Amino acid sequence: MRVLGIDPGLTRCGVGVVDVEPDRSARLVDVVVLRSSAALDTPARLVRIAEGLEAIIDEHRPHAVALERVFARSDVSTIMGTAQISGVAMLIAARRVLPVALHTPSEVKAAITGYGRADKAQVGAMVARILGLEAVPKPADAADALALAICHAWRSGGAPGAARLGADDQSADGSALTPAQRAWLAAERSAAASGAARRVKE
């Protein structure tokens, strides 16, 4: 499964493409940070980022697009820029009939590191480890985009799901899971169990 992860931002927009195999191993395809100058007016900045996204999607042809879900922050201008780029990205994906998934930062951190409150350095280090990179992708927007792509592939049907994994924490083909993958699996099982319990009470 090939996933395009986007860490949306008007000044810096992280874009990462990864291939994830059925055994949940991941390989870096491409990573870049698209930039637009604050000296330009907003429409021109949106066009610049949009052109970069379109070029990357057309070149790598991902199966899905993963975006960071916009959430409230104290900096209104940051929220606006993030929301604007998110809208542009979703429009581009929709025109190419690509499924779009939104993931919160805590979801991504939990999937990648096993801890929903991990800091950027921890996320970056795990991204480098998962992808077999010698160094953490820079700037942080790049690592965040890759983390989004990996998170989505692991949480979607692109990799063996929790229901198909054995109790011994191995994938369907017998390959061992990493500590982060085991933590993700435990969280998925816990969430599924909690959901089932709520449905029974209702």
N, C-alpha and C. Protein backbone atom coordinates (compact mmCIF):
# COMPACT_ATOMS: atom_id res chain seq x y z
N MET A 1 0.85 -1.20 0.00
CA MET A 1 0.00 0.00 0.00
C MET A 1 0.88 1.24 0.00
N ARG A 2 0.61 2.15 -0.89
CA ARG A 2 1.38 3.40 -0.95
C ARG A 2 0.52 4.54 -0.40
N VAL A 3 1.05 5.22 0.60
CA VAL A 3 0.30 6.29 1.26
C VAL A 3 1.07 7.60 1.18
N LEU A 4 0.34 8.66 0.89
CA LEU A 4 0.89 10.01 0.90
C LEU A 4 0.46 10.68 2.19
N GLY A 5 1.41 11.05 3.02
CA GLY A 5 1.11 11.74 4.27
C GLY A 5 1.38 13.23 4.11
N ILE A 6 0.47 14.05 4.62
CA ILE A 6 0.61 15.50 4.50
C ILE A 6 0.48 16.15 5.87
N ASP A 7 1.52 16.87 6.27
CA ASP A 7 1.48 17.69 7.48
C ASP A 7 1.21 19.12 7.01
N PRO A 8 -0.07 19.52 6.99
CA PRO A 8 -0.46 20.77 6.32
C PRO A 8 0.04 22.03 7.02
N GLY A 9 0.47 22.97 6.21
CA GLY A 9 0.91 24.27 6.71
C GLY A 9 1.07 25.21 5.53
N LEU A 10 0.79 26.48 5.75
CA LEU A 10 0.87 27.44 4.66
C LEU A 10 2.31 27.85 4.36
N THR A 11 3.12 27.97 5.39
CA THR A 11 4.53 28.32 5.19
C THR A 11 5.36 27.10 4.86
N ARG A 12 5.16 26.02 5.62
CA ARG A 12 5.85 24.74 5.36
C ARG A 12 4.82 23.62 5.38
N CYS A 13 4.77 22.86 4.31
CA CYS A 13 3.84 21.73 4.20
C CYS A 13 4.66 20.47 3.98
N GLY A 14 4.70 19.62 5.00
CA GLY A 14 5.46 18.39 4.89
C GLY A 14 4.70 17.36 4.07
N VAL A 15 5.41 16.68 3.17
CA VAL A 15 4.79 15.66 2.32
C VAL A 15 5.70 14.44 2.29
N GLY A 16 5.14 13.29 2.67
CA GLY A 16 5.93 12.06 2.68
C GLY A 16 5.17 10.93 2.02
N VAL A 17 5.88 10.11 1.26
CA VAL A 17 5.28 8.96 0.58
C VAL A 17 5.99 7.70 1.05
N VAL A 18 5.21 6.72 1.50
CA VAL A 18 5.79 5.46 1.96
C VAL A 18 5.05 4.28 1.35
N ASP A 19 5.75 3.20 1.15
CA ASP A 19 5.17 1.92 0.76
C ASP A 19 5.16 1.03 1.99
N VAL A 20 4.01 0.46 2.31
CA VAL A 20 3.89 -0.42 3.47
C VAL A 20 3.44 -1.80 3.00
N GLU A 21 4.19 -2.82 3.40
CA GLU A 21 3.91 -4.19 2.98
C GLU A 21 2.92 -4.87 3.92
N PRO A 22 2.36 -6.02 3.51
CA PRO A 22 1.43 -6.74 4.38
C PRO A 22 2.01 -7.12 5.73
N ASP A 23 3.35 -7.26 5.82
CA ASP A 23 3.96 -7.59 7.11
C ASP A 23 4.22 -6.35 7.95
N ARG A 24 3.71 -5.18 7.49
CA ARG A 24 3.78 -3.90 8.18
C ARG A 24 5.15 -3.23 8.10
N SER A 25 6.07 -3.79 7.33
CA SER A 25 7.34 -3.11 7.10
C SER A 25 7.09 -1.94 6.16
N ALA A 26 7.88 -0.88 6.31
CA ALA A 26 7.66 0.34 5.53
C ALA A 26 8.94 0.78 4.84
N ARG A 27 8.77 1.38 3.66
CA ARG A 27 9.91 1.87 2.88
C ARG A 27 9.64 3.30 2.42
N LEU A 28 10.66 4.13 2.57
CA LEU A 28 10.56 5.51 2.10
C LEU A 28 10.55 5.57 0.58
N VAL A 29 9.58 6.30 0.03
CA VAL A 29 9.52 6.54 -1.41
C VAL A 29 10.00 7.95 -1.72
N ASP A 30 9.47 8.93 -0.97
CA ASP A 30 9.86 10.32 -1.20
C ASP A 30 9.43 11.15 0.00
N VAL A 31 10.14 12.21 0.25
CA VAL A 31 9.75 13.15 1.30
C VAL A 31 10.26 14.54 0.90
N VAL A 32 9.41 15.53 1.12
CA VAL A 32 9.76 16.91 0.75
C VAL A 32 8.95 17.86 1.61
N VAL A 33 9.45 19.06 1.76
CA VAL A 33 8.69 20.11 2.44
C VAL A 33 8.42 21.21 1.43
N LEU A 34 7.14 21.41 1.12
CA LEU A 34 6.73 22.47 0.20
C LEU A 34 6.65 23.78 0.97
N ARG A 35 7.14 24.85 0.39
CA ARG A 35 7.19 26.13 1.09
C ARG A 35 6.53 27.23 0.26
N SER A 36 5.97 28.20 0.97
CA SER A 36 5.46 29.40 0.32
C SER A 36 5.86 30.60 1.16
N SER A 37 6.24 31.68 0.49
CA SER A 37 6.73 32.87 1.17
C SER A 37 5.59 33.72 1.73
N ALA A 38 5.79 34.20 2.94
CA ALA A 38 4.80 35.09 3.56
C ALA A 38 4.68 36.40 2.81
N ALA A 39 5.63 36.68 1.91
CA ALA A 39 5.58 37.91 1.12
C ALA A 39 4.49 37.84 0.05
N LEU A 40 4.04 36.63 -0.28
CA LEU A 40 2.98 36.46 -1.28
C LEU A 40 1.62 36.59 -0.62
N ASP A 41 0.61 36.92 -1.40
CA ASP A 41 -0.74 36.94 -0.83
C ASP A 41 -1.24 35.50 -0.72
N THR A 42 -2.26 35.30 0.09
CA THR A 42 -2.71 33.95 0.40
C THR A 42 -3.10 33.13 -0.83
N PRO A 43 -3.87 33.66 -1.77
CA PRO A 43 -4.21 32.85 -2.95
C PRO A 43 -2.98 32.33 -3.69
N ALA A 44 -1.97 33.18 -3.82
CA ALA A 44 -0.75 32.77 -4.52
C ALA A 44 -0.02 31.68 -3.74
N ARG A 45 -0.05 31.78 -2.42
CA ARG A 45 0.60 30.76 -1.59
C ARG A 45 -0.12 29.42 -1.71
N LEU A 46 -1.45 29.48 -1.75
CA LEU A 46 -2.23 28.25 -1.90
C LEU A 46 -1.94 27.58 -3.24
N VAL A 47 -1.83 28.39 -4.28
CA VAL A 47 -1.52 27.85 -5.60
C VAL A 47 -0.16 27.17 -5.59
N ARG A 48 0.82 27.79 -4.95
CA ARG A 48 2.17 27.22 -4.92
C ARG A 48 2.18 25.86 -4.23
N ILE A 49 1.52 25.76 -3.08
CA ILE A 49 1.48 24.49 -2.36
C ILE A 49 0.68 23.46 -3.17
N ALA A 50 -0.43 23.91 -3.76
CA ALA A 50 -1.28 23.00 -4.54
C ALA A 50 -0.51 22.40 -5.72
N GLU A 51 0.25 23.23 -6.39
CA GLU A 51 1.03 22.73 -7.54
C GLU A 51 2.03 21.67 -7.10
N GLY A 52 2.66 21.90 -5.94
CA GLY A 52 3.60 20.92 -5.42
C GLY A 52 2.93 19.61 -5.07
N LEU A 53 1.76 19.69 -4.42
CA LEU A 53 1.02 18.48 -4.06
C LEU A 53 0.58 17.71 -5.30
N GLU A 54 0.08 18.43 -6.28
CA GLU A 54 -0.37 17.77 -7.51
C GLU A 54 0.79 17.05 -8.21
N ALA A 55 1.94 17.68 -8.24
CA ALA A 55 3.10 17.07 -8.90
C ALA A 55 3.53 15.79 -8.19
N ILE A 56 3.52 15.82 -6.85
CA ILE A 56 3.93 14.64 -6.08
C ILE A 56 2.92 13.51 -6.24
N ILE A 57 1.62 13.83 -6.18
CA ILE A 57 0.59 12.80 -6.34
C ILE A 57 0.66 12.20 -7.74
N ASP A 58 0.82 13.03 -8.75
CA ASP A 58 0.86 12.52 -10.12
C ASP A 58 2.11 11.68 -10.37
N GLU A 59 3.20 12.01 -9.69
CA GLU A 59 4.44 11.25 -9.87
C GLU A 59 4.39 9.90 -9.16
N HIS A 60 3.91 9.88 -7.93
CA HIS A 60 4.00 8.67 -7.11
C HIS A 60 2.71 7.85 -7.07
N ARG A 61 1.59 8.43 -7.45
CA ARG A 61 0.31 7.72 -7.53
C ARG A 61 0.01 6.90 -6.26
N PRO A 62 -0.19 7.56 -5.14
CA PRO A 62 -0.50 6.84 -3.90
C PRO A 62 -1.89 6.22 -3.94
N HIS A 63 -2.10 5.25 -3.05
CA HIS A 63 -3.41 4.61 -2.94
C HIS A 63 -4.33 5.37 -1.99
N ALA A 64 -3.75 6.18 -1.11
CA ALA A 64 -4.53 6.93 -0.13
C ALA A 64 -3.74 8.14 0.33
N VAL A 65 -4.47 9.11 0.88
CA VAL A 65 -3.85 10.33 1.41
C VAL A 65 -4.21 10.45 2.89
N ALA A 66 -3.22 10.72 3.72
CA ALA A 66 -3.43 10.89 5.16
C ALA A 66 -3.05 12.31 5.55
N LEU A 67 -3.95 12.97 6.27
CA LEU A 67 -3.75 14.35 6.69
C LEU A 67 -3.84 14.47 8.20
N GLU A 68 -3.11 15.44 8.75
CA GLU A 68 -3.28 15.72 10.17
C GLU A 68 -4.60 16.46 10.37
N ARG A 69 -5.40 15.99 11.32
CA ARG A 69 -6.68 16.64 11.60
C ARG A 69 -6.43 18.00 12.26
N VAL A 70 -7.11 19.02 11.75
CA VAL A 70 -6.96 20.37 12.30
C VAL A 70 -7.62 20.43 13.67
N PHE A 71 -6.91 20.98 14.65
CA PHE A 71 -7.48 21.12 15.98
C PHE A 71 -7.16 22.51 16.51
N ALA A 72 -7.90 22.92 17.53
CA ALA A 72 -7.80 24.29 18.03
C ALA A 72 -6.43 24.58 18.63
N ARG A 73 -5.91 25.72 18.30
CA ARG A 73 -4.66 26.22 18.88
C ARG A 73 -4.87 27.67 19.25
N SER A 74 -3.94 28.22 20.00
CA SER A 74 -4.07 29.61 20.41
C SER A 74 -3.78 30.56 19.26
N ASP A 75 -2.96 30.12 18.30
CA ASP A 75 -2.57 30.96 17.18
C ASP A 75 -3.58 30.81 16.05
N VAL A 76 -4.49 31.77 15.92
CA VAL A 76 -5.55 31.69 14.92
C VAL A 76 -4.98 31.66 13.51
N SER A 77 -3.93 32.42 13.26
CA SER A 77 -3.36 32.46 11.90
C SER A 77 -2.81 31.09 11.51
N THR A 78 -2.25 30.38 12.47
CA THR A 78 -1.73 29.04 12.20
C THR A 78 -2.87 28.10 11.86
N ILE A 79 -3.96 28.19 12.62
CA ILE A 79 -5.14 27.35 12.36
C ILE A 79 -5.66 27.61 10.95
N MET A 80 -5.75 28.87 10.57
CA MET A 80 -6.28 29.23 9.26
C MET A 80 -5.42 28.65 8.15
N GLY A 81 -4.12 28.83 8.26
CA GLY A 81 -3.22 28.31 7.23
C GLY A 81 -3.29 26.80 7.11
N THR A 82 -3.33 26.13 8.27
CA THR A 82 -3.42 24.68 8.28
C THR A 82 -4.73 24.21 7.64
N ALA A 83 -5.83 24.87 8.01
CA ALA A 83 -7.14 24.50 7.46
C ALA A 83 -7.20 24.75 5.95
N GLN A 84 -6.62 25.86 5.51
CA GLN A 84 -6.64 26.17 4.08
C GLN A 84 -5.89 25.12 3.27
N ILE A 85 -4.71 24.73 3.73
CA ILE A 85 -3.93 23.73 3.02
C ILE A 85 -4.61 22.37 3.09
N SER A 86 -5.24 22.06 4.22
CA SER A 86 -5.97 20.80 4.34
C SER A 86 -7.08 20.73 3.30
N GLY A 87 -7.81 21.85 3.14
CA GLY A 87 -8.88 21.89 2.14
C GLY A 87 -8.35 21.71 0.73
N VAL A 88 -7.23 22.37 0.44
CA VAL A 88 -6.61 22.23 -0.88
C VAL A 88 -6.22 20.77 -1.13
N ALA A 89 -5.59 20.15 -0.13
CA ALA A 89 -5.13 18.77 -0.27
C ALA A 89 -6.31 17.82 -0.48
N MET A 90 -7.39 18.02 0.28
CA MET A 90 -8.56 17.14 0.14
C MET A 90 -9.21 17.31 -1.23
N LEU A 91 -9.24 18.54 -1.73
CA LEU A 91 -9.81 18.78 -3.05
C LEU A 91 -8.99 18.07 -4.13
N ILE A 92 -7.68 18.20 -4.05
CA ILE A 92 -6.80 17.55 -5.03
C ILE A 92 -6.99 16.04 -5.00
N ALA A 93 -7.04 15.47 -3.79
CA ALA A 93 -7.23 14.03 -3.65
C ALA A 93 -8.58 13.59 -4.20
N ALA A 94 -9.63 14.36 -3.87
CA ALA A 94 -10.98 14.01 -4.32
C ALA A 94 -11.07 14.02 -5.84
N ARG A 95 -10.42 14.96 -6.47
CA ARG A 95 -10.45 15.02 -7.94
C ARG A 95 -9.77 13.82 -8.58
N ARG A 96 -8.88 13.18 -7.82
CA ARG A 96 -8.20 11.98 -8.32
C ARG A 96 -8.82 10.71 -7.74
N VAL A 97 -9.94 10.87 -7.08
CA VAL A 97 -10.69 9.75 -6.49
C VAL A 97 -9.81 8.97 -5.52
N LEU A 98 -9.05 9.69 -4.71
CA LEU A 98 -8.20 9.07 -3.70
C LEU A 98 -8.87 9.18 -2.33
N PRO A 99 -8.93 8.10 -1.56
CA PRO A 99 -9.49 8.19 -0.22
C PRO A 99 -8.62 9.07 0.67
N VAL A 100 -9.26 9.86 1.52
CA VAL A 100 -8.55 10.76 2.43
C VAL A 100 -8.89 10.39 3.87
N ALA A 101 -7.88 10.27 4.71
CA ALA A 101 -8.09 9.97 6.13
C ALA A 101 -7.48 11.08 6.97
N LEU A 102 -8.16 11.45 8.05
CA LEU A 102 -7.67 12.46 8.98
C LEU A 102 -7.28 11.79 10.29
N HIS A 103 -6.07 12.10 10.76
CA HIS A 103 -5.58 11.51 12.01
C HIS A 103 -5.13 12.63 12.95
N THR A 104 -5.48 12.51 14.21
CA THR A 104 -5.04 13.49 15.20
C THR A 104 -3.57 13.25 15.53
N PRO A 105 -2.87 14.28 16.04
CA PRO A 105 -1.48 14.09 16.43
C PRO A 105 -1.31 12.96 17.44
N SER A 106 -2.23 12.85 18.40
CA SER A 106 -2.10 11.80 19.42
C SER A 106 -2.25 10.41 18.80
N GLU A 107 -3.11 10.27 17.81
CA GLU A 107 -3.26 8.98 17.12
C GLU A 107 -1.97 8.60 16.42
N VAL A 108 -1.36 9.58 15.76
CA VAL A 108 -0.11 9.32 15.05
C VAL A 108 1.00 8.96 16.03
N LYS A 109 1.11 9.71 17.11
CA LYS A 109 2.16 9.44 18.10
C LYS A 109 2.00 8.06 18.71
N ALA A 110 0.75 7.68 19.02
CA ALA A 110 0.50 6.37 19.61
C ALA A 110 0.86 5.25 18.64
N ALA A 111 0.51 5.44 17.37
CA ALA A 111 0.80 4.41 16.37
C ALA A 111 2.30 4.26 16.13
N ILE A 112 3.01 5.36 16.12
CA ILE A 112 4.44 5.34 15.77
C ILE A 112 5.32 4.99 16.96
N THR A 113 5.02 5.55 18.13
CA THR A 113 5.89 5.37 19.30
C THR A 113 5.28 4.51 20.39
N GLY A 114 3.96 4.30 20.34
CA GLY A 114 3.30 3.59 21.42
C GLY A 114 2.88 4.50 22.55
N TYR A 115 3.10 5.81 22.40
CA TYR A 115 2.77 6.78 23.45
C TYR A 115 2.14 8.00 22.82
N GLY A 116 0.89 8.30 23.19
CA GLY A 116 0.16 9.39 22.56
C GLY A 116 0.65 10.78 22.86
N ARG A 117 1.56 10.92 23.82
CA ARG A 117 2.10 12.24 24.16
C ARG A 117 3.59 12.35 23.86
N ALA A 118 4.07 11.52 22.97
CA ALA A 118 5.48 11.58 22.59
C ALA A 118 5.81 12.93 21.97
N ASP A 119 7.07 13.36 22.14
CA ASP A 119 7.46 14.64 21.55
C ASP A 119 7.95 14.42 20.12
N LYS A 120 8.22 15.52 19.43
CA LYS A 120 8.61 15.43 18.01
C LYS A 120 9.91 14.66 17.82
N ALA A 121 10.83 14.79 18.78
CA ALA A 121 12.10 14.08 18.66
C ALA A 121 11.88 12.57 18.73
N GLN A 122 11.00 12.13 19.59
CA GLN A 122 10.71 10.70 19.71
C GLN A 122 10.02 10.18 18.45
N VAL A 123 9.07 10.96 17.93
CA VAL A 123 8.39 10.56 16.70
C VAL A 123 9.39 10.47 15.54
N GLY A 124 10.23 11.49 15.42
CA GLY A 124 11.21 11.50 14.34
C GLY A 124 12.17 10.32 14.42
N ALA A 125 12.60 10.00 15.63
CA ALA A 125 13.53 8.88 15.81
C ALA A 125 12.89 7.56 15.41
N MET A 126 11.60 7.38 15.78
CA MET A 126 10.92 6.14 15.43
C MET A 126 10.64 6.06 13.92
N VAL A 127 10.34 7.20 13.30
CA VAL A 127 10.13 7.22 11.85
C VAL A 127 11.41 6.76 11.14
N ALA A 128 12.55 7.29 11.58
CA ALA A 128 13.82 6.91 10.98
C ALA A 128 14.08 5.42 11.19
N ARG A 129 13.75 4.92 12.37
CA ARG A 129 13.97 3.50 12.67
C ARG A 129 13.06 2.61 11.83
N ILE A 130 11.80 2.97 11.75
CA ILE A 130 10.83 2.17 10.98
C ILE A 130 11.21 2.10 9.51
N LEU A 131 11.68 3.24 8.97
CA LEU A 131 12.01 3.31 7.55
C LEU A 131 13.46 2.91 7.26
N GLY A 132 14.22 2.62 8.30
CA GLY A 132 15.61 2.22 8.11
C GLY A 132 16.50 3.35 7.62
N LEU A 133 16.22 4.57 8.08
CA LEU A 133 16.99 5.73 7.66
C LEU A 133 18.16 5.97 8.62
N GLU A 134 19.24 6.51 8.10
CA GLU A 134 20.40 6.79 8.93
C GLU A 134 20.20 8.03 9.80
N ALA A 135 19.33 8.93 9.35
CA ALA A 135 19.09 10.17 10.11
C ALA A 135 17.61 10.50 10.09
N VAL A 136 17.18 11.29 11.05
CA VAL A 136 15.79 11.72 11.12
C VAL A 136 15.54 12.75 10.02
N PRO A 137 14.48 12.59 9.25
CA PRO A 137 14.18 13.58 8.20
C PRO A 137 13.99 14.97 8.79
N LYS A 138 14.55 15.96 8.14
CA LYS A 138 14.45 17.35 8.59
C LYS A 138 13.81 18.19 7.50
N PRO A 139 13.09 19.27 7.88
CA PRO A 139 12.70 19.64 9.24
C PRO A 139 11.63 18.71 9.80
N ALA A 140 11.10 19.07 10.98
CA ALA A 140 10.12 18.20 11.64
C ALA A 140 8.88 17.96 10.79
N ASP A 141 8.54 18.91 9.92
CA ASP A 141 7.37 18.75 9.05
C ASP A 141 7.51 17.51 8.16
N ALA A 142 8.73 17.21 7.74
CA ALA A 142 8.98 16.06 6.89
C ALA A 142 8.74 14.76 7.66
N ALA A 143 9.31 14.69 8.87
CA ALA A 143 9.13 13.50 9.70
C ALA A 143 7.67 13.32 10.07
N ASP A 144 6.97 14.41 10.35
CA ASP A 144 5.55 14.33 10.71
C ASP A 144 4.71 13.79 9.55
N ALA A 145 5.03 14.20 8.34
CA ALA A 145 4.31 13.72 7.16
C ALA A 145 4.51 12.22 6.98
N LEU A 146 5.73 11.76 7.17
CA LEU A 146 6.01 10.33 7.06
C LEU A 146 5.31 9.55 8.16
N ALA A 147 5.28 10.12 9.36
CA ALA A 147 4.59 9.47 10.48
C ALA A 147 3.11 9.32 10.18
N LEU A 148 2.51 10.34 9.57
CA LEU A 148 1.10 10.27 9.19
C LEU A 148 0.85 9.15 8.19
N ALA A 149 1.72 9.05 7.21
CA ALA A 149 1.56 8.02 6.18
C ALA A 149 1.68 6.62 6.78
N ILE A 150 2.67 6.42 7.64
CA ILE A 150 2.86 5.11 8.28
C ILE A 150 1.68 4.79 9.18
N CYS A 151 1.25 5.77 9.97
CA CYS A 151 0.12 5.60 10.87
C CYS A 151 -1.11 5.14 10.10
N HIS A 152 -1.41 5.81 8.99
CA HIS A 152 -2.60 5.46 8.24
C HIS A 152 -2.52 4.04 7.67
N ALA A 153 -1.37 3.69 7.14
CA ALA A 153 -1.22 2.35 6.57
C ALA A 153 -1.40 1.28 7.65
N TRP A 154 -0.86 1.53 8.83
CA TRP A 154 -0.96 0.55 9.91
C TRP A 154 -2.39 0.46 10.44
N ARG A 155 -3.12 1.59 10.43
CA ARG A 155 -4.46 1.60 11.01
C ARG A 155 -5.54 1.22 9.99
N SER A 156 -5.16 1.11 8.74
CA SER A 156 -6.14 0.80 7.70
C SER A 156 -6.02 -0.63 7.23
N GLY A 157 -6.76 -0.97 6.23
CA GLY A 157 -6.70 -2.32 5.69
C GLY A 157 -5.48 -2.60 4.85
N GLY A 158 -4.55 -1.66 4.76
CA GLY A 158 -3.36 -1.87 3.95
C GLY A 158 -2.37 -2.81 4.59
N ALA A 159 -2.59 -3.14 5.89
CA ALA A 159 -1.71 -4.07 6.59
C ALA A 159 -2.58 -5.01 7.40
N PRO A 160 -2.05 -6.14 7.85
CA PRO A 160 -2.86 -7.07 8.62
C PRO A 160 -3.50 -6.37 9.81
N GLY A 161 -4.80 -6.54 9.97
CA GLY A 161 -5.52 -5.88 11.05
C GLY A 161 -5.41 -6.65 12.34
N ALA A 162 -5.88 -6.04 13.42
CA ALA A 162 -5.80 -6.66 14.73
C ALA A 162 -6.51 -8.01 14.76
N ALA A 163 -7.63 -8.12 14.05
CA ALA A 163 -8.40 -9.36 14.08
C ALA A 163 -7.66 -10.50 13.43
N ARG A 164 -6.69 -10.18 12.55
CA ARG A 164 -5.99 -11.24 11.84
C ARG A 164 -4.62 -11.53 12.44
N LEU A 165 -4.27 -10.84 13.52
CA LEU A 165 -2.97 -11.06 14.14
C LEU A 165 -3.12 -12.06 15.27
N GLY A 166 -2.15 -12.95 15.38
CA GLY A 166 -2.21 -13.97 16.41
C GLY A 166 -1.96 -13.39 17.79
N ALA A 167 -2.31 -14.17 18.82
CA ALA A 167 -2.15 -13.72 20.20
C ALA A 167 -0.69 -13.61 20.58
N ASP A 168 0.18 -14.22 19.81
CA ASP A 168 1.60 -14.14 20.12
C ASP A 168 2.24 -12.91 19.52
N ASP A 169 1.41 -11.94 19.07
CA ASP A 169 1.91 -10.69 18.53
C ASP A 169 2.82 -10.88 17.33
N GLN A 170 2.40 -11.73 16.44
CA GLN A 170 3.10 -11.92 15.19
C GLN A 170 2.13 -11.64 14.06
N SER A 171 2.68 -11.23 12.92
CA SER A 171 1.84 -11.00 11.76
C SER A 171 1.39 -12.33 11.17
N ALA A 172 0.50 -12.25 10.19
CA ALA A 172 -0.08 -13.46 9.62
C ALA A 172 0.98 -14.38 9.01
N ASP A 173 2.10 -13.80 8.56
CA ASP A 173 3.12 -14.64 7.95
C ASP A 173 4.21 -15.05 8.95
N GLY A 174 3.99 -14.73 10.23
CA GLY A 174 4.91 -15.17 11.26
C GLY A 174 6.01 -14.19 11.61
N SER A 175 6.09 -13.05 10.93
CA SER A 175 7.14 -12.08 11.22
C SER A 175 6.81 -11.33 12.51
N ALA A 176 7.84 -11.06 13.32
CA ALA A 176 7.63 -10.40 14.60
C ALA A 176 7.32 -8.93 14.41
N LEU A 177 6.53 -8.39 15.32
CA LEU A 177 6.21 -6.97 15.29
C LEU A 177 7.23 -6.20 16.10
N THR A 178 7.41 -4.92 15.75
CA THR A 178 8.29 -4.05 16.51
C THR A 178 7.58 -3.64 17.81
N PRO A 179 8.30 -3.09 18.80
CA PRO A 179 7.65 -2.63 20.02
C PRO A 179 6.55 -1.61 19.75
N ALA A 180 6.78 -0.71 18.81
CA ALA A 180 5.76 0.30 18.49
C ALA A 180 4.53 -0.36 17.88
N GLN A 181 4.75 -1.36 17.03
CA GLN A 181 3.64 -2.06 16.42
C GLN A 181 2.84 -2.84 17.46
N ARG A 182 3.54 -3.45 18.43
CA ARG A 182 2.84 -4.18 19.49
C ARG A 182 2.01 -3.23 20.34
N ALA A 183 2.57 -2.03 20.61
CA ALA A 183 1.83 -1.03 21.39
C ALA A 183 0.59 -0.58 20.62
N TRP A 184 0.75 -0.38 19.32
CA TRP A 184 -0.40 0.00 18.49
C TRP A 184 -1.47 -1.08 18.53
N LEU A 185 -1.03 -2.35 18.40
CA LEU A 185 -1.96 -3.46 18.40
C LEU A 185 -2.72 -3.54 19.73
N ALA A 186 -1.99 -3.35 20.84
CA ALA A 186 -2.63 -3.39 22.16
C ALA A 186 -3.68 -2.28 22.28
N ALA A 187 -3.35 -1.09 21.76
CA ALA A 187 -4.30 0.03 21.81
C ALA A 187 -5.54 -0.27 20.97
N GLU A 188 -5.34 -0.88 19.80
CA GLU A 188 -6.46 -1.22 18.94
C GLU A 188 -7.36 -2.25 19.61
N ARG A 189 -6.74 -3.25 20.25
CA ARG A 189 -7.53 -4.27 20.92
C ARG A 189 -8.31 -3.67 22.09
N SER A 190 -7.64 -2.77 22.83
CA SER A 190 -8.30 -2.13 23.97
C SER A 190 -9.48 -1.29 23.51
N ALA A 191 -9.28 -0.53 22.41
CA ALA A 191 -10.36 0.31 21.89
C ALA A 191 -11.52 -0.55 21.41
N ALA A 192 -11.20 -1.66 20.76
CA ALA A 192 -12.25 -2.55 20.27
C ALA A 192 -13.03 -3.16 21.43
N ALA A 193 -12.30 -3.54 22.49
CA ALA A 193 -12.96 -4.12 23.66
C ALA A 193 -13.84 -3.10 24.35
N SER A 194 -13.36 -1.87 24.46
CA SER A 194 -14.15 -0.81 25.10
C SER A 194 -15.41 -0.52 24.30
N GLY A 195 -15.27 -0.50 22.97
CA GLY A 195 -16.42 -0.26 22.12
C GLY A 195 -17.46 -1.36 22.26
N ALA A 196 -16.99 -2.60 22.33
CA ALA A 196 -17.91 -3.72 22.50
C ALA A 196 -18.64 -3.64 23.83
N ALA A 197 -17.90 -3.25 24.89
CA ALA A 197 -18.50 -3.14 26.21
C ALA A 197 -19.57 -2.05 26.24
N ARG A 198 -19.31 -0.93 25.56
CA ARG A 198 -20.28 0.15 25.52
C ARG A 198 -21.55 -0.29 24.78
N ARG A 199 -21.37 -1.05 23.70
CA ARG A 199 -22.53 -1.50 22.93
C ARG A 199 -23.39 -2.46 23.75
N VAL A 200 -22.74 -3.31 24.57
CA VAL A 200 -23.49 -4.24 25.41
C VAL A 200 -24.31 -3.49 26.45
N LYS A 201 -23.73 -2.44 27.06
CA LYS A 201 -24.44 -1.65 28.07
C LYS A 201 -25.62 -0.91 27.47
N GLU A 202 -25.45 -0.47 26.22
CA GLU A 202 -26.52 0.26 25.56
C GLU A 202 -27.68 -0.67 25.20
